[in-house]
Amino acid sequence: MSHANVAKAPALAARPRAAPERRTARRSRYLLGALCCAIIAIMLFPIVVAFFASIKTSSAAMATPPTYLPSQLSIESYLHIYHYQAGLPTYLFNSLGVASIAIVLCLLLSVSAGYGLARFKIPFKEPLFLLLLSGMMIPYQALLTPLYLLYVKLGLQQTLFGLALIHTALQLPFSIFLMRSSFEAVPRELEEAAVVDGCNSFETLWRVFLPAAIPGMVTVALFAFVNSWNEFIAALIFMNKESTFTIPIMLVSSRIGHYGMVDWGALQAGVLISIVPCVLVYVFLQKYYVSGFLNGAIK
């Protein structure tokens, strides 16, 4: 046998092995794709059912036994939600206003606290950081009664700003934790270069750390928005007027139909309307949201 034939023998022997490996890899991709499709279908099924219930007539939505597909299309549930009490635009404005204030306050406080805890030598810094994080261990429901008494004295009850303060306090420990991790991930060399160029602490924060910590800031804003948008108990206790209700309070109030029965069509229509802003915010900021979590994991 020539030397050329001997050299080709291992290559020919490797080819039969490569084909089964490619088939196995292709089969694994198909199985993974099928699993992902199944998970997506399971997650979307309740939303699809809610949509079909929202476009039924009120009698069809409350029929027993229930039907999944509507026999007659109707938008009366959406009209009921739109014109309910003070009107859907009022409740949307209240929820967006409270969420916007909570986002601004969370960013201002968490950025300043995270920057100080990450880059400055502070006495008892670690115990202080743990004390700030301990706020996540206390159920805020236990604090609502003294908070309400305090709000009455300060005149903050029935105000969007007062409710936003509570939502900020609920979200702040996690926001500080995330921003500290984001600032600690910035290389020390960038800070030293800024100091050499004559930047003070504020200029270093503005020119170096904030551009590098944008994913963390976007993540803080996302969590603050979602938590404020969906928060129910504090809004129920501190908001007693129809004109100050937020979306979750409106959903609970509008679910009551004739003779005390649950109006499932109106409830599902309200649920779908309340989901849309959260989905839009997440879709537009998804890239920064994922990168913020990856930065924290790498750190």
C-alpha atoms as a PDB file:
ATOM      1  CA  MET A   1       0.000   0.000   0.000  1.00  0.00           C
ATOM      2  CA  SER A   2       1.393   3.439  -0.946  1.00  0.00           C
ATOM      3  CA  HIS A   3       1.991   6.218   1.536  1.00  0.00           C
ATOM      4  CA  ALA A   4      -0.861   8.264  -0.058  1.00  0.00           C
ATOM      5  CA  ASN A   5      -3.376   5.464   0.543  1.00  0.00           C
ATOM      6  CA  VAL A   6      -2.194   5.090   4.136  1.00  0.00           C
ATOM      7  CA  ALA A   7      -2.691   8.855   4.725  1.00  0.00           C
ATOM      8  CA  LYS A   8      -6.197   8.774   3.252  1.00  0.00           C
ATOM      9  CA  ALA A   9      -7.294   5.845   5.394  1.00  0.00           C
ATOM     10  CA  PRO A  10      -7.875   7.849   8.641  1.00  0.00           C
ATOM     11  CA  ALA A  11      -9.793  10.527   6.733  1.00  0.00           C
ATOM     12  CA  LEU A  12     -12.050   7.938   5.125  1.00  0.00           C
ATOM     13  CA  ALA A  13     -12.591   6.300   8.512  1.00  0.00           C
ATOM     14  CA  ALA A  14     -13.567   9.656  10.041  1.00  0.00           C
ATOM     15  CA  ARG A  15     -16.238  10.408   7.433  1.00  0.00           C
ATOM     16  CA  PRO A  16     -18.721   7.721   8.528  1.00  0.00           C
ATOM     17  CA  ARG A  17     -18.414   8.992  12.100  1.00  0.00           C
ATOM     18  CA  ALA A  18     -19.048  12.637  11.118  1.00  0.00           C
ATOM     19  CA  ALA A  19     -22.412  11.920   9.482  1.00  0.00           C
ATOM     20  CA  PRO A  20     -24.055  10.416  12.609  1.00  0.00           C
ATOM     21  CA  GLU A  21     -22.717  13.324  14.676  1.00  0.00           C
ATOM     22  CA  ARG A  22     -24.319  15.825  12.296  1.00  0.00           C
ATOM     23  CA  ARG A  23     -27.597  13.924  12.416  1.00  0.00           C
ATOM     24  CA  THR A  24     -27.467  13.859  16.207  1.00  0.00           C
ATOM     25  CA  ALA A  25     -26.774  17.609  16.354  1.00  0.00           C
ATOM     26  CA  ARG A  26     -29.631  18.287  13.889  1.00  0.00           C
ATOM     27  CA  ARG A  27     -31.983  16.108  15.915  1.00  0.00           C
ATOM     28  CA  SER A  28     -30.992  17.934  19.106  1.00  0.00           C
ATOM     29  CA  ARG A  29     -31.752  21.299  17.476  1.00  0.00           C
ATOM     30  CA  TYR A  30     -35.159  20.053  16.349  1.00  0.00           C
ATOM     31  CA  LEU A  31     -35.944  18.772  19.843  1.00  0.00           C
ATOM     32  CA  LEU A  32     -34.824  22.068  21.397  1.00  0.00           C
ATOM     33  CA  GLY A  33     -36.954  24.001  18.909  1.00  0.00           C
ATOM     34  CA  ALA A  34     -39.973  21.802  19.641  1.00  0.00           C
ATOM     35  CA  LEU A  35     -39.454  22.303  23.390  1.00  0.00           C
ATOM     36  CA  CYS A  36     -39.257  26.085  22.943  1.00  0.00           C
ATOM     37  CA  CYS A  37     -42.429  26.074  20.836  1.00  0.00           C
ATOM     38  CA  ALA A  38     -44.220  24.040  23.503  1.00  0.00           C
ATOM     39  CA  ILE A  39     -43.146  26.463  26.247  1.00  0.00           C
ATOM     40  CA  ILE A  40     -44.247  29.456  24.153  1.00  0.00           C
ATOM     41  CA  ALA A  41     -47.620  27.806  23.507  1.00  0.00           C
ATOM     42  CA  ILE A  42     -48.117  27.142  27.221  1.00  0.00           C
ATOM     43  CA  MET A  43     -47.232  30.745  28.084  1.00  0.00           C
ATOM     44  CA  LEU A  44     -49.435  32.251  25.377  1.00  0.00           C
ATOM     45  CA  PHE A  45     -52.449  30.018  25.996  1.00  0.00           C
ATOM     46  CA  PRO A  46     -53.877  32.078  28.919  1.00  0.00           C
ATOM     47  CA  ILE A  47     -53.430  35.311  26.946  1.00  0.00           C
ATOM     48  CA  VAL A  48     -55.182  33.856  23.899  1.00  0.00           C
ATOM     49  CA  VAL A  49     -58.055  32.590  26.072  1.00  0.00           C
ATOM     50  CA  ALA A  50     -58.313  36.021  27.711  1.00  0.00           C
ATOM     51  CA  PHE A  51     -58.447  37.691  24.305  1.00  0.00           C
ATOM     52  CA  PHE A  52     -61.239  35.412  23.088  1.00  0.00           C
ATOM     53  CA  ALA A  53     -63.157  36.057  26.316  1.00  0.00           C
ATOM     54  CA  SER A  54     -62.761  39.812  25.889  1.00  0.00           C
ATOM     55  CA  ILE A  55     -64.365  39.833  22.430  1.00  0.00           C
ATOM     56  CA  LYS A  56     -67.425  37.845  23.514  1.00  0.00           C
ATOM     57  CA  THR A  57     -70.716  39.334  24.577  1.00  0.00           C
ATOM     58  CA  SER A  58     -71.178  39.671  28.348  1.00  0.00           C
ATOM     59  CA  SER A  59     -73.688  36.810  28.463  1.00  0.00           C
ATOM     60  CA  ALA A  60     -71.405  34.533  26.430  1.00  0.00           C
ATOM     61  CA  ALA A  61     -68.384  35.385  28.601  1.00  0.00           C
ATOM     62  CA  MET A  62     -70.321  34.442  31.764  1.00  0.00           C
ATOM     63  CA  ALA A  63     -71.939  31.323  30.283  1.00  0.00           C
ATOM     64  CA  THR A  64     -71.636  28.006  32.131  1.00  0.00           C
ATOM     65  CA  PRO A  65     -69.964  25.812  30.998  1.00  0.00           C
ATOM     66  CA  PRO A  66     -67.579  28.288  29.352  1.00  0.00           C
ATOM     67  CA  THR A  67     -66.664  28.162  25.681  1.00  0.00           C
ATOM     68  CA  TYR A  68     -63.240  29.053  24.370  1.00  0.00           C
ATOM     69  CA  LEU A  69     -64.194  30.457  20.967  1.00  0.00           C
ATOM     70  CA  PRO A  70     -66.720  33.319  20.677  1.00  0.00           C
ATOM     71  CA  SER A  71     -69.895  32.636  18.714  1.00  0.00           C
ATOM     72  CA  GLN A  72     -70.411  36.367  18.196  1.00  0.00           C
ATOM     73  CA  LEU A  73     -67.770  39.091  18.161  1.00  0.00           C
ATOM     74  CA  SER A  74     -68.336  42.083  20.398  1.00  0.00           C
ATOM     75  CA  ILE A  75     -66.306  45.001  21.756  1.00  0.00           C
ATOM     76  CA  GLU A  76     -68.747  45.857  24.543  1.00  0.00           C
ATOM     77  CA  SER A  77     -66.242  44.694  27.168  1.00  0.00           C
ATOM     78  CA  TYR A  78     -63.648  47.168  25.903  1.00  0.00           C
ATOM     79  CA  LEU A  79     -66.253  49.938  25.766  1.00  0.00           C
ATOM     80  CA  HIS A  80     -67.272  49.092  29.337  1.00  0.00           C
ATOM     81  CA  ILE A  81     -63.652  49.374  30.504  1.00  0.00           C
ATOM     82  CA  TYR A  82     -63.071  52.595  28.572  1.00  0.00           C
ATOM     83  CA  HIS A  83     -66.095  54.386  30.053  1.00  0.00           C
ATOM     84  CA  TYR A  84     -65.961  52.816  33.523  1.00  0.00           C
ATOM     85  CA  GLN A  85     -66.361  55.425  36.298  1.00  0.00           C
ATOM     86  CA  ALA A  86     -63.715  58.127  35.703  1.00  0.00           C
ATOM     87  CA  GLY A  87     -62.700  56.541  32.407  1.00  0.00           C
ATOM     88  CA  LEU A  88     -59.767  54.432  31.274  1.00  0.00           C
ATOM     89  CA  PRO A  89     -57.618  57.450  30.207  1.00  0.00           C
ATOM     90  CA  THR A  90     -57.731  58.761  33.792  1.00  0.00           C
ATOM     91  CA  TYR A  91     -56.565  55.447  35.234  1.00  0.00           C
ATOM     92  CA  LEU A  92     -53.858  55.090  32.609  1.00  0.00           C
ATOM     93  CA  PHE A  93     -52.639  58.598  33.386  1.00  0.00           C
ATOM     94  CA  ASN A  94     -52.550  57.834  37.115  1.00  0.00           C
ATOM     95  CA  SER A  95     -50.610  54.598  36.664  1.00  0.00           C
ATOM     96  CA  LEU A  96     -48.163  56.138  34.192  1.00  0.00           C
ATOM     97  CA  GLY A  97     -47.672  59.163  36.435  1.00  0.00           C
ATOM     98  CA  VAL A  98     -46.956  57.067  39.525  1.00  0.00           C
ATOM     99  CA  ALA A  99     -44.630  54.749  37.576  1.00  0.00           C
ATOM    100  CA  SER A 100     -42.748  57.686  36.014  1.00  0.00           C
ATOM    101  CA  ILE A 101     -42.166  59.351  39.385  1.00  0.00           C
ATOM    102  CA  ALA A 102     -41.041  56.022  40.868  1.00  0.00           C
ATOM    103  CA  ILE A 103     -38.591  55.489  37.996  1.00  0.00           C
ATOM    104  CA  VAL A 104     -37.040  58.948  38.389  1.00  0.00           C
ATOM    105  CA  LEU A 105     -36.694  58.617  42.163  1.00  0.00           C
ATOM    106  CA  CYS A 106     -35.289  55.073  41.931  1.00  0.00           C
ATOM    107  CA  LEU A 107     -32.683  56.144  39.391  1.00  0.00           C
ATOM    108  CA  LEU A 108     -31.611  59.246  41.306  1.00  0.00           C
ATOM    109  CA  LEU A 109     -31.294  57.479  44.647  1.00  0.00           C
ATOM    110  CA  SER A 110     -29.874  54.166  43.422  1.00  0.00           C
ATOM    111  CA  VAL A 111     -27.285  55.782  41.133  1.00  0.00           C
ATOM    112  CA  SER A 112     -25.971  58.063  43.879  1.00  0.00           C
ATOM    113  CA  ALA A 113     -26.021  55.329  46.544  1.00  0.00           C
ATOM    114  CA  GLY A 114     -24.571  52.671  44.231  1.00  0.00           C
ATOM    115  CA  TYR A 115     -21.782  54.996  43.091  1.00  0.00           C
ATOM    116  CA  GLY A 116     -20.847  55.881  46.653  1.00  0.00           C
ATOM    117  CA  LEU A 117     -20.910  52.276  47.849  1.00  0.00           C
ATOM    118  CA  ALA A 118     -18.913  51.038  44.850  1.00  0.00           C
ATOM    119  CA  ARG A 119     -16.182  53.679  44.552  1.00  0.00           C
ATOM    120  CA  PHE A 120     -15.686  55.485  47.862  1.00  0.00           C
ATOM    121  CA  LYS A 121     -14.088  54.380  51.107  1.00  0.00           C
ATOM    122  CA  ILE A 122     -16.921  54.658  53.614  1.00  0.00           C
ATOM    123  CA  PRO A 123     -16.665  53.545  57.239  1.00  0.00           C
ATOM    124  CA  PHE A 124     -18.708  50.399  57.842  1.00  0.00           C
ATOM    125  CA  LYS A 125     -19.583  50.257  54.151  1.00  0.00           C
ATOM    126  CA  GLU A 126     -20.466  46.568  54.001  1.00  0.00           C
ATOM    127  CA  PRO A 127     -22.711  46.575  57.115  1.00  0.00           C
ATOM    128  CA  LEU A 128     -24.415  49.687  55.752  1.00  0.00           C
ATOM    129  CA  PHE A 129     -24.966  47.936  52.413  1.00  0.00           C
ATOM    130  CA  LEU A 130     -26.433  44.898  54.158  1.00  0.00           C
ATOM    131  CA  LEU A 131     -28.695  47.203  56.173  1.00  0.00           C
ATOM    132  CA  LEU A 132     -29.993  48.721  52.952  1.00  0.00           C
ATOM    133  CA  LEU A 133     -30.615  45.273  51.477  1.00  0.00           C
ATOM    134  CA  SER A 134     -32.477  44.166  54.594  1.00  0.00           C
ATOM    135  CA  GLY A 135     -35.408  46.237  53.375  1.00  0.00           C
ATOM    136  CA  MET A 136     -36.167  43.420  50.923  1.00  0.00           C
ATOM    137  CA  MET A 137     -36.695  41.015  53.826  1.00  0.00           C
ATOM    138  CA  ILE A 138     -39.447  43.060  55.489  1.00  0.00           C
ATOM    139  CA  PRO A 139     -42.970  42.533  54.072  1.00  0.00           C
ATOM    140  CA  TYR A 140     -44.179  45.996  53.227  1.00  0.00           C
ATOM    141  CA  GLN A 141     -47.755  45.032  54.073  1.00  0.00           C
ATOM    142  CA  ALA A 142     -46.746  45.208  57.736  1.00  0.00           C
ATOM    143  CA  LEU A 143     -45.725  48.855  57.285  1.00  0.00           C
ATOM    144  CA  LEU A 144     -48.829  50.118  55.519  1.00  0.00           C
ATOM    145  CA  THR A 145     -50.772  51.032  58.679  1.00  0.00           C
ATOM    146  CA  PRO A 146     -48.065  53.290  60.208  1.00  0.00           C
ATOM    147  CA  LEU A 147     -47.341  54.677  56.745  1.00  0.00           C
ATOM    148  CA  TYR A 148     -50.998  55.591  56.300  1.00  0.00           C
ATOM    149  CA  LEU A 149     -51.061  57.393  59.658  1.00  0.00           C
ATOM    150  CA  LEU A 150     -47.883  59.249  58.672  1.00  0.00           C
ATOM    151  CA  TYR A 151     -49.339  60.163  55.276  1.00  0.00           C
ATOM    152  CA  VAL A 152     -52.483  61.558  56.890  1.00  0.00           C
ATOM    153  CA  LYS A 153     -50.375  63.899  59.022  1.00  0.00           C
ATOM    154  CA  LEU A 154     -48.272  64.958  56.034  1.00  0.00           C
ATOM    155  CA  GLY A 155     -51.245  65.285  53.684  1.00  0.00           C
ATOM    156  CA  LEU A 156     -49.806  62.821  51.160  1.00  0.00           C
ATOM    157  CA  GLN A 157     -52.747  60.434  51.039  1.00  0.00           C
ATOM    158  CA  GLN A 158     -54.794  60.533  47.833  1.00  0.00           C
ATOM    159  CA  THR A 159     -51.765  61.874  45.920  1.00  0.00           C
ATOM    160  CA  LEU A 160     -49.845  60.262  43.104  1.00  0.00           C
ATOM    161  CA  PHE A 161     -46.550  61.503  44.545  1.00  0.00           C
ATOM    162  CA  GLY A 162     -47.246  59.855  47.903  1.00  0.00           C
ATOM    163  CA  LEU A 163     -48.010  56.517  46.224  1.00  0.00           C
ATOM    164  CA  ALA A 164     -44.880  56.861  44.099  1.00  0.00           C
ATOM    165  CA  LEU A 165     -42.816  57.322  47.266  1.00  0.00           C
ATOM    166  CA  ILE A 166     -44.064  53.963  48.562  1.00  0.00           C
ATOM    167  CA  HIS A 167     -43.301  52.240  45.268  1.00  0.00           C
ATOM    168  CA  THR A 168     -39.820  53.792  45.305  1.00  0.00           C
ATOM    169  CA  ALA A 169     -39.167  52.525  48.819  1.00  0.00           C
ATOM    170  CA  LEU A 170     -40.236  49.022  47.779  1.00  0.00           C
ATOM    171  CA  GLN A 171     -37.925  48.966  44.772  1.00  0.00           C
ATOM    172  CA  LEU A 172     -34.955  50.893  46.166  1.00  0.00           C
ATOM    173  CA  PRO A 173     -32.983  48.062  47.919  1.00  0.00           C
ATOM    174  CA  PHE A 174     -32.809  45.959  44.764  1.00  0.00           C
ATOM    175  CA  SER A 175     -32.021  49.049  42.669  1.00  0.00           C
ATOM    176  CA  ILE A 176     -29.087  49.984  44.916  1.00  0.00           C
ATOM    177  CA  PHE A 177     -27.783  46.403  44.764  1.00  0.00           C
ATOM    178  CA  LEU A 178     -27.951  46.397  40.966  1.00  0.00           C
ATOM    179  CA  MET A 179     -26.347  49.807  40.501  1.00  0.00           C
ATOM    180  CA  ARG A 180     -23.520  49.008  42.905  1.00  0.00           C
ATOM    181  CA  SER A 181     -22.757  45.870  40.889  1.00  0.00           C
ATOM    182  CA  SER A 182     -22.867  47.896  37.653  1.00  0.00           C
ATOM    183  CA  PHE A 183     -20.453  50.537  38.948  1.00  0.00           C
ATOM    184  CA  GLU A 184     -18.085  47.930  40.386  1.00  0.00           C
ATOM    185  CA  ALA A 185     -17.882  46.307  36.945  1.00  0.00           C
ATOM    186  CA  VAL A 186     -16.351  49.477  35.461  1.00  0.00           C
ATOM    187  CA  PRO A 187     -12.538  49.051  35.199  1.00  0.00           C
ATOM    188  CA  ARG A 188     -10.527  51.009  37.736  1.00  0.00           C
ATOM    189  CA  GLU A 189      -8.248  52.282  34.945  1.00  0.00           C
ATOM    190  CA  LEU A 190     -11.060  54.375  33.453  1.00  0.00           C
ATOM    191  CA  GLU A 191     -11.598  56.116  36.780  1.00  0.00           C
ATOM    192  CA  GLU A 192      -7.872  56.759  37.186  1.00  0.00           C
ATOM    193  CA  ALA A 193      -7.667  58.192  33.664  1.00  0.00           C
ATOM    194  CA  ALA A 194     -10.539  60.560  34.424  1.00  0.00           C
ATOM    195  CA  VAL A 195      -8.810  61.738  37.619  1.00  0.00           C
ATOM    196  CA  VAL A 196      -5.590  62.326  35.700  1.00  0.00           C
ATOM    197  CA  ASP A 197      -7.532  64.439  33.196  1.00  0.00           C
ATOM    198  CA  GLY A 198      -8.744  66.629  36.054  1.00  0.00           C
ATOM    199  CA  CYS A 199     -12.265  65.290  36.606  1.00  0.00           C
ATOM    200  CA  ASN A 200     -13.787  65.523  40.054  1.00  0.00           C
ATOM    201  CA  SER A 201     -16.101  62.878  41.509  1.00  0.00           C
ATOM    202  CA  PHE A 202     -19.234  64.267  39.870  1.00  0.00           C
ATOM    203  CA  GLU A 203     -17.584  64.633  36.464  1.00  0.00           C
ATOM    204  CA  THR A 204     -16.199  61.099  36.726  1.00  0.00           C
ATOM    205  CA  LEU A 205     -19.678  59.815  37.459  1.00  0.00           C
ATOM    206  CA  TRP A 206     -21.214  61.785  34.596  1.00  0.00           C
ATOM    207  CA  ARG A 207     -18.568  61.165  31.936  1.00  0.00           C
ATOM    208  CA  VAL A 208     -17.296  57.673  32.780  1.00  0.00           C
ATOM    209  CA  PHE A 209     -19.597  55.661  35.019  1.00  0.00           C
ATOM    210  CA  LEU A 210     -23.065  56.604  33.756  1.00  0.00           C
ATOM    211  CA  PRO A 211     -22.325  55.731  30.076  1.00  0.00           C
ATOM    212  CA  ALA A 212     -20.851  52.407  31.210  1.00  0.00           C
ATOM    213  CA  ALA A 213     -23.789  51.660  33.550  1.00  0.00           C
ATOM    214  CA  ILE A 214     -26.619  52.322  31.082  1.00  0.00           C
ATOM    215  CA  PRO A 215     -27.700  48.620  31.019  1.00  0.00           C
ATOM    216  CA  GLY A 216     -28.000  48.617  34.800  1.00  0.00           C
ATOM    217  CA  MET A 217     -29.957  51.871  34.796  1.00  0.00           C
ATOM    218  CA  VAL A 218     -32.346  50.541  32.173  1.00  0.00           C
ATOM    219  CA  THR A 219     -32.852  47.390  34.257  1.00  0.00           C
ATOM    220  CA  VAL A 220     -33.631  49.506  37.327  1.00  0.00           C
ATOM    221  CA  ALA A 221     -36.129  51.541  35.296  1.00  0.00           C
ATOM    222  CA  LEU A 222     -37.792  48.394  33.957  1.00  0.00           C
ATOM    223  CA  PHE A 223     -38.233  46.837  37.381  1.00  0.00           C
ATOM    224  CA  ALA A 224     -39.465  50.113  38.853  1.00  0.00           C
ATOM    225  CA  PHE A 225     -42.026  50.489  36.074  1.00  0.00           C
ATOM    226  CA  VAL A 226     -43.354  46.931  36.198  1.00  0.00           C
ATOM    227  CA  ASN A 227     -43.563  46.815  39.992  1.00  0.00           C
ATOM    228  CA  SER A 228     -45.233  50.216  40.224  1.00  0.00           C
ATOM    229  CA  TRP A 229     -47.636  49.416  37.382  1.00  0.00           C
ATOM    230  CA  ASN A 230     -48.788  46.154  38.967  1.00  0.00           C
ATOM    231  CA  GLU A 231     -48.742  47.146  42.652  1.00  0.00           C
ATOM    232  CA  PHE A 232     -52.184  46.747  44.227  1.00  0.00           C
ATOM    233  CA  ILE A 233     -52.300  46.789  48.042  1.00  0.00           C
ATOM    234  CA  ALA A 234     -50.734  50.206  48.673  1.00  0.00           C
ATOM    235  CA  ALA A 235     -52.804  51.752  45.883  1.00  0.00           C
ATOM    236  CA  LEU A 236     -55.951  50.223  47.385  1.00  0.00           C
ATOM    237  CA  ILE A 237     -55.225  51.628  50.851  1.00  0.00           C
ATOM    238  CA  PHE A 238     -53.920  55.091  49.964  1.00  0.00           C
ATOM    239  CA  MET A 239     -56.229  55.857  47.019  1.00  0.00           C
ATOM    240  CA  ASN A 240     -59.923  56.073  47.947  1.00  0.00           C
ATOM    241  CA  LYS A 241     -61.256  58.396  45.260  1.00  0.00           C
ATOM    242  CA  GLU A 242     -62.306  57.141  41.842  1.00  0.00           C
ATOM    243  CA  SER A 243     -60.270  59.864  40.141  1.00  0.00           C
ATOM    244  CA  THR A 244     -57.057  58.651  41.828  1.00  0.00           C
ATOM    245  CA  PHE A 245     -57.398  54.923  41.113  1.00  0.00           C
ATOM    246  CA  THR A 246     -54.653  53.125  39.244  1.00  0.00           C
ATOM    247  CA  ILE A 247     -55.109  50.326  36.708  1.00  0.00           C
ATOM    248  CA  PRO A 248     -55.051  47.402  39.226  1.00  0.00           C
ATOM    249  CA  ILE A 249     -57.737  49.073  41.357  1.00  0.00           C
ATOM    250  CA  MET A 250     -59.823  49.732  38.263  1.00  0.00           C
ATOM    251  CA  LEU A 251     -59.580  46.061  37.257  1.00  0.00           C
ATOM    252  CA  VAL A 252     -60.854  44.878  40.632  1.00  0.00           C
ATOM    253  CA  SER A 253     -63.716  47.399  40.628  1.00  0.00           C
ATOM    254  CA  SER A 254     -64.810  46.786  37.038  1.00  0.00           C
ATOM    255  CA  ARG A 255     -65.029  42.997  37.346  1.00  0.00           C
ATOM    256  CA  ILE A 256     -68.402  43.168  39.123  1.00  0.00           C
ATOM    257  CA  GLY A 257     -71.270  42.650  36.700  1.00  0.00           C
ATOM    258  CA  HIS A 258     -75.029  42.302  37.110  1.00  0.00           C
ATOM    259  CA  TYR A 259     -76.285  40.951  40.464  1.00  0.00           C
ATOM    260  CA  GLY A 260     -72.736  40.766  41.839  1.00  0.00           C
ATOM    261  CA  MET A 261     -71.551  38.269  39.235  1.00  0.00           C
ATOM    262  CA  VAL A 262     -68.051  38.520  37.795  1.00  0.00           C
ATOM    263  CA  ASP A 263     -68.034  40.167  34.369  1.00  0.00           C
ATOM    264  CA  TRP A 264     -65.359  37.959  32.840  1.00  0.00           C
ATOM    265  CA  GLY A 265     -65.388  39.774  29.520  1.00  0.00           C
ATOM    266  CA  ALA A 266     -64.680  43.167  31.083  1.00  0.00           C
ATOM    267  CA  LEU A 267     -62.092  41.672  33.420  1.00  0.00           C
ATOM    268  CA  GLN A 268     -60.190  39.990  30.590  1.00  0.00           C
ATOM    269  CA  ALA A 269     -60.368  43.138  28.463  1.00  0.00           C
ATOM    270  CA  GLY A 270     -58.889  45.145  31.328  1.00  0.00           C
ATOM    271  CA  VAL A 271     -56.174  42.554  31.883  1.00  0.00           C
ATOM    272  CA  LEU A 272     -55.132  42.691  28.235  1.00  0.00           C
ATOM    273  CA  ILE A 273     -55.076  46.500  28.261  1.00  0.00           C
ATOM    274  CA  SER A 274     -52.925  46.498  31.399  1.00  0.00           C
ATOM    275  CA  ILE A 275     -50.455  44.044  29.852  1.00  0.00           C
ATOM    276  CA  VAL A 276     -49.770  46.110  26.731  1.00  0.00           C
ATOM    277  CA  PRO A 277     -47.612  48.888  28.316  1.00  0.00           C
ATOM    278  CA  CYS A 278     -45.418  46.366  30.154  1.00  0.00           C
ATOM    279  CA  VAL A 279     -44.876  44.340  26.993  1.00  0.00           C
ATOM    280  CA  LEU A 280     -44.041  47.439  24.920  1.00  0.00           C
ATOM    281  CA  VAL A 281     -41.562  48.756  27.478  1.00  0.00           C
ATOM    282  CA  TYR A 282     -39.867  45.369  27.731  1.00  0.00           C
ATOM    283  CA  VAL A 283     -39.672  44.901  23.944  1.00  0.00           C
ATOM    284  CA  PHE A 284     -38.087  48.321  23.377  1.00  0.00           C
ATOM    285  CA  LEU A 285     -35.572  47.940  26.232  1.00  0.00           C
ATOM    286  CA  GLN A 286     -34.947  44.193  26.051  1.00  0.00           C
ATOM    287  CA  LYS A 287     -31.379  44.557  24.758  1.00  0.00           C
ATOM    288  CA  TYR A 288     -30.285  46.692  27.709  1.00  0.00           C
ATOM    289  CA  TYR A 289     -32.278  44.564  30.157  1.00  0.00           C
ATOM    290  CA  VAL A 290     -30.510  41.322  29.145  1.00  0.00           C
ATOM    291  CA  SER A 291     -27.067  42.923  29.030  1.00  0.00           C
ATOM    292  CA  GLY A 292     -27.604  44.374  32.497  1.00  0.00           C
ATOM    293  CA  PHE A 293     -28.262  40.928  33.942  1.00  0.00           C
ATOM    294  CA  LEU A 294     -25.281  39.475  32.062  1.00  0.00           C
ATOM    295  CA  ASN A 295     -23.018  42.176  33.488  1.00  0.00           C
ATOM    296  CA  GLY A 296     -24.199  41.322  36.993  1.00  0.00           C
ATOM    297  CA  ALA A 297     -23.666  37.614  36.395  1.00  0.00           C
ATOM    298  CA  ILE A 298     -20.136  38.153  35.004  1.00  0.00           C
ATOM    299  CA  LYS A 299     -19.266  40.385  37.939  1.00  0.00           C
END
